[in-house]
PDB file of N, CA and C in Angstrom:
ATOM      1  N   UNK A   1     -24.039   7.928 -11.512  1.00  0.00           N
ATOM      2  CA  UNK A   1     -23.555   6.876 -12.386  1.00  0.00           C
ATOM      3  C   UNK A   1     -24.745   6.263 -13.106  1.00  0.00           C
ATOM      4  N   UNK A   2     -24.588   6.025 -14.407  1.00  0.00           N
ATOM      5  CA  UNK A   2     -25.621   5.393 -15.218  1.00  0.00           C
ATOM      6  C   UNK A   2     -25.154   4.016 -15.649  1.00  0.00           C
ATOM      7  N   UNK A   3     -26.059   3.050 -15.608  1.00  0.00           N
ATOM      8  CA  UNK A   3     -25.798   1.721 -16.144  1.00  0.00           C
ATOM      9  C   UNK A   3     -26.727   1.527 -17.323  1.00  0.00           C
ATOM     10  N   UNK A   4     -26.179   1.240 -18.489  1.00  0.00           N
ATOM     11  CA  UNK A   4     -26.964   1.060 -19.701  1.00  0.00           C
ATOM     12  C   UNK A   4     -26.671  -0.321 -20.265  1.00  0.00           C
ATOM     13  N   UNK A   5     -27.705  -1.096 -20.493  1.00  0.00           N
ATOM     14  CA  UNK A   5     -27.502  -2.422 -21.048  1.00  0.00           C
ATOM     15  C   UNK A   5     -27.162  -2.324 -22.525  1.00  0.00           C
ATOM     16  N   UNK A   6     -26.125  -3.019 -22.921  1.00  0.00           N
ATOM     17  CA  UNK A   6     -25.680  -3.038 -24.306  1.00  0.00           C
ATOM     18  C   UNK A   6     -26.406  -4.169 -25.011  1.00  0.00           C
ATOM     19  N   UNK A   7     -27.250  -3.835 -25.940  1.00  0.00           N
ATOM     20  CA  UNK A   7     -28.019  -4.829 -26.682  1.00  0.00           C
ATOM     21  C   UNK A   7     -27.447  -4.977 -28.078  1.00  0.00           C
ATOM     22  N   UNK A   8     -26.948  -6.142 -28.352  1.00  0.00           N
ATOM     23  CA  UNK A   8     -26.347  -6.446 -29.644  1.00  0.00           C
ATOM     24  C   UNK A   8     -26.973  -7.740 -30.139  1.00  0.00           C
ATOM     25  N   UNK A   9     -27.075  -7.882 -31.441  1.00  0.00           N
ATOM     26  CA  UNK A   9     -27.649  -9.104 -31.984  1.00  0.00           C
ATOM     27  C   UNK A   9     -26.796 -10.302 -31.583  1.00  0.00           C
ATOM     28  N   UNK A  10     -27.420 -11.453 -31.359  1.00  0.00           N
ATOM     29  CA  UNK A  10     -26.673 -12.634 -30.892  1.00  0.00           C
ATOM     30  C   UNK A  10     -25.523 -13.032 -31.809  1.00  0.00           C
ATOM     31  N   UNK A  11     -25.666 -12.857 -33.120  1.00  0.00           N
ATOM     32  CA  UNK A  11     -24.587 -13.272 -34.016  1.00  0.00           C
ATOM     33  C   UNK A  11     -23.333 -12.421 -33.850  1.00  0.00           C
ATOM     34  N   UNK A  12     -23.457 -11.248 -33.235  1.00  0.00           N
ATOM     35  CA  UNK A  12     -22.277 -10.416 -32.999  1.00  0.00           C
ATOM     36  C   UNK A  12     -21.572 -10.821 -31.708  1.00  0.00           C
ATOM     37  N   UNK A  13     -22.211 -11.684 -30.935  1.00  0.00           N
ATOM     38  CA  UNK A  13     -21.596 -12.278 -29.753  1.00  0.00           C
ATOM     39  C   UNK A  13     -21.007 -11.242 -28.799  1.00  0.00           C
ATOM     40  N   UNK A  14     -21.771 -10.226 -28.483  1.00  0.00           N
ATOM     41  CA  UNK A  14     -21.313  -9.226 -27.531  1.00  0.00           C
ATOM     42  C   UNK A  14     -22.489  -8.783 -26.686  1.00  0.00           C
ATOM     43  N   UNK A  15     -22.286  -8.764 -25.417  1.00  0.00           N
ATOM     44  CA  UNK A  15     -23.335  -8.327 -24.516  1.00  0.00           C
ATOM     45  C   UNK A  15     -22.658  -7.767 -23.275  1.00  0.00           C
ATOM     46  N   UNK A  16     -23.283  -6.787 -22.667  1.00  0.00           N
ATOM     47  CA  UNK A  16     -22.694  -6.230 -21.468  1.00  0.00           C
ATOM     48  C   UNK A  16     -23.448  -5.028 -20.977  1.00  0.00           C
ATOM     49  N   UNK A  17     -22.828  -4.334 -20.046  1.00  0.00           N
ATOM     50  CA  UNK A  17     -23.405  -3.137 -19.462  1.00  0.00           C
ATOM     51  C   UNK A  17     -22.419  -1.993 -19.674  1.00  0.00           C
ATOM     52  N   UNK A  18     -22.920  -0.889 -20.254  1.00  0.00           N
ATOM     53  CA  UNK A  18     -22.103   0.311 -20.366  1.00  0.00           C
ATOM     54  C   UNK A  18     -22.228   1.072 -19.058  1.00  0.00           C
ATOM     55  N   UNK A  19     -21.113   1.455 -18.491  1.00  0.00           N
ATOM     56  CA  UNK A  19     -21.108   2.210 -17.245  1.00  0.00           C
ATOM     57  C   UNK A  19     -20.628   3.616 -17.562  1.00  0.00           C
ATOM     58  N   UNK A  20     -21.473   4.598 -17.281  1.00  0.00           N
ATOM     59  CA  UNK A  20     -21.144   5.999 -17.522  1.00  0.00           C
ATOM     60  C   UNK A  20     -21.053   6.694 -16.168  1.00  0.00           C
ATOM     61  N   UNK A  21     -19.863   7.157 -15.813  1.00  0.00           N
ATOM     62  CA  UNK A  21     -19.655   7.786 -14.510  1.00  0.00           C
ATOM     63  C   UNK A  21     -19.940   9.281 -14.514  1.00  0.00           C
ATOM     64  N   UNK A  22     -20.197   9.854 -15.689  1.00  0.00           N
ATOM     65  CA  UNK A  22     -20.488  11.278 -15.798  1.00  0.00           C
ATOM     66  C   UNK A  22     -22.003  11.473 -15.759  1.00  0.00           C
ATOM     67  N   UNK A  23     -22.505  11.995 -14.652  1.00  0.00           N
ATOM     68  CA  UNK A  23     -23.950  12.149 -14.471  1.00  0.00           C
ATOM     69  C   UNK A  23     -24.574  13.187 -15.394  1.00  0.00           C
ATOM     70  N   UNK A  24     -23.754  14.014 -16.040  1.00  0.00           N
ATOM     71  CA  UNK A  24     -24.283  15.012 -16.969  1.00  0.00           C
ATOM     72  C   UNK A  24     -24.602  14.420 -18.342  1.00  0.00           C
ATOM     73  N   UNK A  25     -24.187  13.196 -18.572  1.00  0.00           N
ATOM     74  CA  UNK A  25     -24.391  12.546 -19.865  1.00  0.00           C
ATOM     75  C   UNK A  25     -25.660  11.702 -19.791  1.00  0.00           C
ATOM     76  N   UNK A  26     -26.546  11.926 -20.753  1.00  0.00           N
ATOM     77  CA  UNK A  26     -27.810  11.185 -20.766  1.00  0.00           C
ATOM     78  C   UNK A  26     -27.716   9.969 -21.679  1.00  0.00           C
ATOM     79  N   UNK A  27     -28.664   9.065 -21.505  1.00  0.00           N
ATOM     80  CA  UNK A  27     -28.747   7.900 -22.367  1.00  0.00           C
ATOM     81  C   UNK A  27     -28.934   8.341 -23.820  1.00  0.00           C
ATOM     82  N   UNK A  28     -29.730   9.381 -24.018  1.00  0.00           N
ATOM     83  CA  UNK A  28     -29.982   9.875 -25.368  1.00  0.00           C
ATOM     84  C   UNK A  28     -28.696  10.392 -26.022  1.00  0.00           C
ATOM     85  N   UNK A  29     -27.858  11.073 -25.247  1.00  0.00           N
ATOM     86  CA  UNK A  29     -26.588  11.575 -25.778  1.00  0.00           C
ATOM     87  C   UNK A  29     -25.697  10.417 -26.220  1.00  0.00           C
ATOM     88  N   UNK A  30     -25.644   9.392 -25.393  1.00  0.00           N
ATOM     89  CA  UNK A  30     -24.815   8.228 -25.705  1.00  0.00           C
ATOM     90  C   UNK A  30     -25.340   7.534 -26.955  1.00  0.00           C
ATOM     91  N   UNK A  31     -26.653   7.311 -27.006  1.00  0.00           N
ATOM     92  CA  UNK A  31     -27.242   6.623 -28.153  1.00  0.00           C
ATOM     93  C   UNK A  31     -27.024   7.406 -29.441  1.00  0.00           C
ATOM     94  N   UNK A  32     -27.203   8.719 -29.377  1.00  0.00           N
ATOM     95  CA  UNK A  32     -27.019   9.555 -30.567  1.00  0.00           C
ATOM     96  C   UNK A  32     -25.584   9.475 -31.084  1.00  0.00           C
ATOM     97  N   UNK A  33     -24.611   9.536 -30.177  1.00  0.00           N
ATOM     98  CA  UNK A  33     -23.203   9.475 -30.586  1.00  0.00           C
ATOM     99  C   UNK A  33     -22.875   8.100 -31.170  1.00  0.00           C
ATOM    100  N   UNK A  34     -23.384   7.035 -30.557  1.00  0.00           N
ATOM    101  CA  UNK A  34     -23.150   5.688 -31.082  1.00  0.00           C
ATOM    102  C   UNK A  34     -23.736   5.565 -32.482  1.00  0.00           C
ATOM    103  N   UNK A  35     -24.965   6.036 -32.656  1.00  0.00           N
ATOM    104  CA  UNK A  35     -25.604   5.977 -33.974  1.00  0.00           C
ATOM    105  C   UNK A  35     -24.796   6.752 -35.009  1.00  0.00           C
ATOM    106  N   UNK A  36     -24.320   7.947 -34.650  1.00  0.00           N
ATOM    107  CA  UNK A  36     -23.520   8.762 -35.570  1.00  0.00           C
ATOM    108  C   UNK A  36     -22.240   8.039 -35.986  1.00  0.00           C
ATOM    109  N   UNK A  37     -21.571   7.406 -35.026  1.00  0.00           N
ATOM    110  CA  UNK A  37     -20.327   6.693 -35.323  1.00  0.00           C
ATOM    111  C   UNK A  37     -20.581   5.489 -36.230  1.00  0.00           C
ATOM    112  N   UNK A  38     -21.657   4.758 -35.969  1.00  0.00           N
ATOM    113  CA  UNK A  38     -21.990   3.604 -36.803  1.00  0.00           C
ATOM    114  C   UNK A  38     -22.346   4.033 -38.222  1.00  0.00           C
ATOM    115  N   UNK A  39     -23.136   5.084 -38.348  1.00  0.00           N
ATOM    116  CA  UNK A  39     -23.532   5.576 -39.670  1.00  0.00           C
ATOM    117  C   UNK A  39     -22.305   6.049 -40.446  1.00  0.00           C
ATOM    118  N   UNK A  40     -21.405   6.770 -39.781  1.00  0.00           N
ATOM    119  CA  UNK A  40     -20.187   7.254 -40.443  1.00  0.00           C
ATOM    120  C   UNK A  40     -19.346   6.086 -40.956  1.00  0.00           C
ATOM    121  N   UNK A  41     -19.231   5.037 -40.166  1.00  0.00           N
ATOM    122  CA  UNK A  41     -18.462   3.864 -40.589  1.00  0.00           C
ATOM    123  C   UNK A  41     -19.129   3.190 -41.786  1.00  0.00           C
ATOM    124  N   UNK A  42     -20.444   3.041 -41.724  1.00  0.00           N
ATOM    125  CA  UNK A  42     -21.163   2.394 -42.819  1.00  0.00           C
ATOM    126  C   UNK A  42     -21.085   3.223 -44.099  1.00  0.00           C
ATOM    127  N   UNK A  43     -21.173   4.545 -43.982  1.00  0.00           N
ATOM    128  CA  UNK A  43     -21.076   5.414 -45.161  1.00  0.00           C
ATOM    129  C   UNK A  43     -19.681   5.372 -45.777  1.00  0.00           C
ATOM    130  N   UNK A  44     -18.672   5.132 -44.953  1.00  0.00           N
ATOM    131  CA  UNK A  44     -17.295   5.006 -45.448  1.00  0.00           C
ATOM    132  C   UNK A  44     -17.008   3.578 -45.907  1.00  0.00           C
ATOM    133  N   UNK A  45     -18.052   2.749 -45.900  1.00  0.00           N
ATOM    134  CA  UNK A  45     -17.948   1.340 -46.286  1.00  0.00           C
ATOM    135  C   UNK A  45     -16.921   0.596 -45.435  1.00  0.00           C
ATOM    136  N   UNK A  46     -16.912   0.912 -44.144  1.00  0.00           N
ATOM    137  CA  UNK A  46     -16.013   0.271 -43.190  1.00  0.00           C
ATOM    138  C   UNK A  46     -16.830  -0.549 -42.198  1.00  0.00           C
ATOM    139  N   UNK A  47     -16.214  -1.591 -41.702  1.00  0.00           N
ATOM    140  CA  UNK A  47     -16.846  -2.375 -40.642  1.00  0.00           C
ATOM    141  C   UNK A  47     -16.754  -1.577 -39.351  1.00  0.00           C
ATOM    142  N   UNK A  48     -17.738  -1.720 -38.483  1.00  0.00           N
ATOM    143  CA  UNK A  48     -17.635  -1.097 -37.173  1.00  0.00           C
ATOM    144  C   UNK A  48     -17.645  -2.205 -36.133  1.00  0.00           C
ATOM    145  N   UNK A  49     -16.947  -1.960 -35.044  1.00  0.00           N
ATOM    146  CA  UNK A  49     -16.828  -2.940 -33.970  1.00  0.00           C
ATOM    147  C   UNK A  49     -17.237  -2.279 -32.664  1.00  0.00           C
ATOM    148  N   UNK A  50     -17.900  -3.038 -31.830  1.00  0.00           N
ATOM    149  CA  UNK A  50     -18.445  -2.511 -30.581  1.00  0.00           C
ATOM    150  C   UNK A  50     -17.371  -1.812 -29.756  1.00  0.00           C
ATOM    151  N   UNK A  51     -16.252  -2.471 -29.538  1.00  0.00           N
ATOM    152  CA  UNK A  51     -15.216  -1.880 -28.684  1.00  0.00           C
ATOM    153  C   UNK A  51     -14.641  -0.604 -29.285  1.00  0.00           C
ATOM    154  N   UNK A  52     -14.493  -0.554 -30.607  1.00  0.00           N
ATOM    155  CA  UNK A  52     -13.995   0.667 -31.249  1.00  0.00           C
ATOM    156  C   UNK A  52     -14.996   1.806 -31.105  1.00  0.00           C
ATOM    157  N   UNK A  53     -16.277   1.488 -31.216  1.00  0.00           N
ATOM    158  CA  UNK A  53     -17.315   2.513 -31.041  1.00  0.00           C
ATOM    159  C   UNK A  53     -17.243   3.067 -29.621  1.00  0.00           C
ATOM    160  N   UNK A  54     -17.154   2.188 -28.641  1.00  0.00           N
ATOM    161  CA  UNK A  54     -17.108   2.626 -27.241  1.00  0.00           C
ATOM    162  C   UNK A  54     -15.854   3.459 -26.987  1.00  0.00           C
ATOM    163  N   UNK A  55     -14.721   3.031 -27.540  1.00  0.00           N
ATOM    164  CA  UNK A  55     -13.476   3.786 -27.360  1.00  0.00           C
ATOM    165  C   UNK A  55     -13.522   5.150 -28.046  1.00  0.00           C
ATOM    166  N   UNK A  56     -14.395   5.310 -29.033  1.00  0.00           N
ATOM    167  CA  UNK A  56     -14.520   6.580 -29.756  1.00  0.00           C
ATOM    168  C   UNK A  56     -15.393   7.596 -29.032  1.00  0.00           C
ATOM    169  N   UNK A  57     -16.073   7.178 -27.988  1.00  0.00           N
ATOM    170  CA  UNK A  57     -16.917   8.103 -27.230  1.00  0.00           C
ATOM    171  C   UNK A  57     -16.027   9.077 -26.461  1.00  0.00           C
ATOM    172  N   UNK A  58     -16.504  10.286 -26.207  1.00  0.00           N
ATOM    173  CA  UNK A  58     -15.681  11.277 -25.498  1.00  0.00           C
ATOM    174  C   UNK A  58     -15.167  10.747 -24.151  1.00  0.00           C
ATOM    175  N   UNK A  59     -13.884  10.931 -23.917  1.00  0.00           N
ATOM    176  CA  UNK A  59     -13.259  10.428 -22.679  1.00  0.00           C
ATOM    177  C   UNK A  59     -13.885  11.039 -21.430  1.00  0.00           C
ATOM    178  N   UNK A  60     -14.332  12.314 -21.536  1.00  0.00           N
ATOM    179  CA  UNK A  60     -14.922  12.964 -20.364  1.00  0.00           C
ATOM    180  C   UNK A  60     -16.266  12.348 -19.967  1.00  0.00           C
ATOM    181  N   UNK A  61     -16.828  11.512 -20.831  1.00  0.00           N
ATOM    182  CA  UNK A  61     -18.069  10.819 -20.481  1.00  0.00           C
ATOM    183  C   UNK A  61     -17.790   9.672 -19.510  1.00  0.00           C
ATOM    184  N   UNK A  62     -16.540   9.215 -19.450  1.00  0.00           N
ATOM    185  CA  UNK A  62     -16.122   8.152 -18.534  1.00  0.00           C
ATOM    186  C   UNK A  62     -16.975   6.898 -18.707  1.00  0.00           C
ATOM    187  N   UNK A  63     -16.994   6.388 -19.940  1.00  0.00           N
ATOM    188  CA  UNK A  63     -17.793   5.205 -20.252  1.00  0.00           C
ATOM    189  C   UNK A  63     -16.884   3.996 -20.372  1.00  0.00           C
ATOM    190  N   UNK A  64     -17.292   2.924 -19.717  1.00  0.00           N
ATOM    191  CA  UNK A  64     -16.590   1.653 -19.825  1.00  0.00           C
ATOM    192  C   UNK A  64     -17.616   0.563 -20.106  1.00  0.00           C
ATOM    193  N   UNK A  65     -17.137  -0.553 -20.618  1.00  0.00           N
ATOM    194  CA  UNK A  65     -17.992  -1.701 -20.898  1.00  0.00           C
ATOM    195  C   UNK A  65     -17.668  -2.812 -19.926  1.00  0.00           C
ATOM    196  N   UNK A  66     -18.678  -3.297 -19.259  1.00  0.00           N
ATOM    197  CA  UNK A  66     -18.537  -4.467 -18.388  1.00  0.00           C
ATOM    198  C   UNK A  66     -19.174  -5.632 -19.140  1.00  0.00           C
ATOM    199  N   UNK A  67     -18.360  -6.487 -19.771  1.00  0.00           N
ATOM    200  CA  UNK A  67     -18.922  -7.595 -20.544  1.00  0.00           C
ATOM    201  C   UNK A  67     -19.651  -8.597 -19.652  1.00  0.00           C
ATOM    202  N   UNK A  68     -20.668  -9.184 -20.223  1.00  0.00           N
ATOM    203  CA  UNK A  68     -21.377 -10.286 -19.569  1.00  0.00           C
ATOM    204  C   UNK A  68     -21.081 -11.511 -20.419  1.00  0.00           C
ATOM    205  N   UNK A  69     -20.351 -12.438 -19.862  1.00  0.00           N
ATOM    206  CA  UNK A  69     -19.883 -13.568 -20.651  1.00  0.00           C
ATOM    207  C   UNK A  69     -20.883 -14.711 -20.722  1.00  0.00           C
ATOM    208  N   UNK A  70     -21.718 -14.860 -19.719  1.00  0.00           N
ATOM    209  CA  UNK A  70     -22.670 -15.964 -19.698  1.00  0.00           C
ATOM    210  C   UNK A  70     -24.038 -15.461 -20.121  1.00  0.00           C
ATOM    211  N   UNK A  71     -24.444 -15.828 -21.333  1.00  0.00           N
ATOM    212  CA  UNK A  71     -25.720 -15.379 -21.875  1.00  0.00           C
ATOM    213  C   UNK A  71     -26.536 -16.564 -22.349  1.00  0.00           C
ATOM    214  N   UNK A  72     -27.808 -16.424 -22.251  1.00  0.00           N
ATOM    215  CA  UNK A  72     -28.728 -17.387 -22.831  1.00  0.00           C
ATOM    216  C   UNK A  72     -29.568 -16.623 -23.837  1.00  0.00           C
ATOM    217  N   UNK A  73     -29.567 -17.066 -25.082  1.00  0.00           N
ATOM    218  CA  UNK A  73     -30.369 -16.423 -26.121  1.00  0.00           C
ATOM    219  C   UNK A  73     -31.656 -17.206 -26.305  1.00  0.00           C
ATOM    220  N   UNK A  74     -32.768 -16.520 -26.266  1.00  0.00           N
ATOM    221  CA  UNK A  74     -34.079 -17.170 -26.400  1.00  0.00           C
ATOM    222  C   UNK A  74     -34.699 -16.743 -27.713  1.00  0.00           C
TER     223      UNK A  74
END
C-alpha cells in the first residue's frame, strides 16, 4: 500500500492523502496520469476538479482520497 500526500494550493481548499492499494503502481505512474488528465482538461478549455481527476484514474489502481479537514497554512 502506498500513501501519497495530495498537495494542492491553499486557494483550492483541498488537502489529503491518496491511498493506493495496488503495489504495482508507482508514484511516478500516478503523477504522470494526473498531469495528463489536467493537461487534457486545460487544452479542452475545461475546469478540472481534484475529485474528478482522482475518479478518472484506473480503477485497478485502487486509489482513494482520505481528506484532511484540519489544515494550517503557513
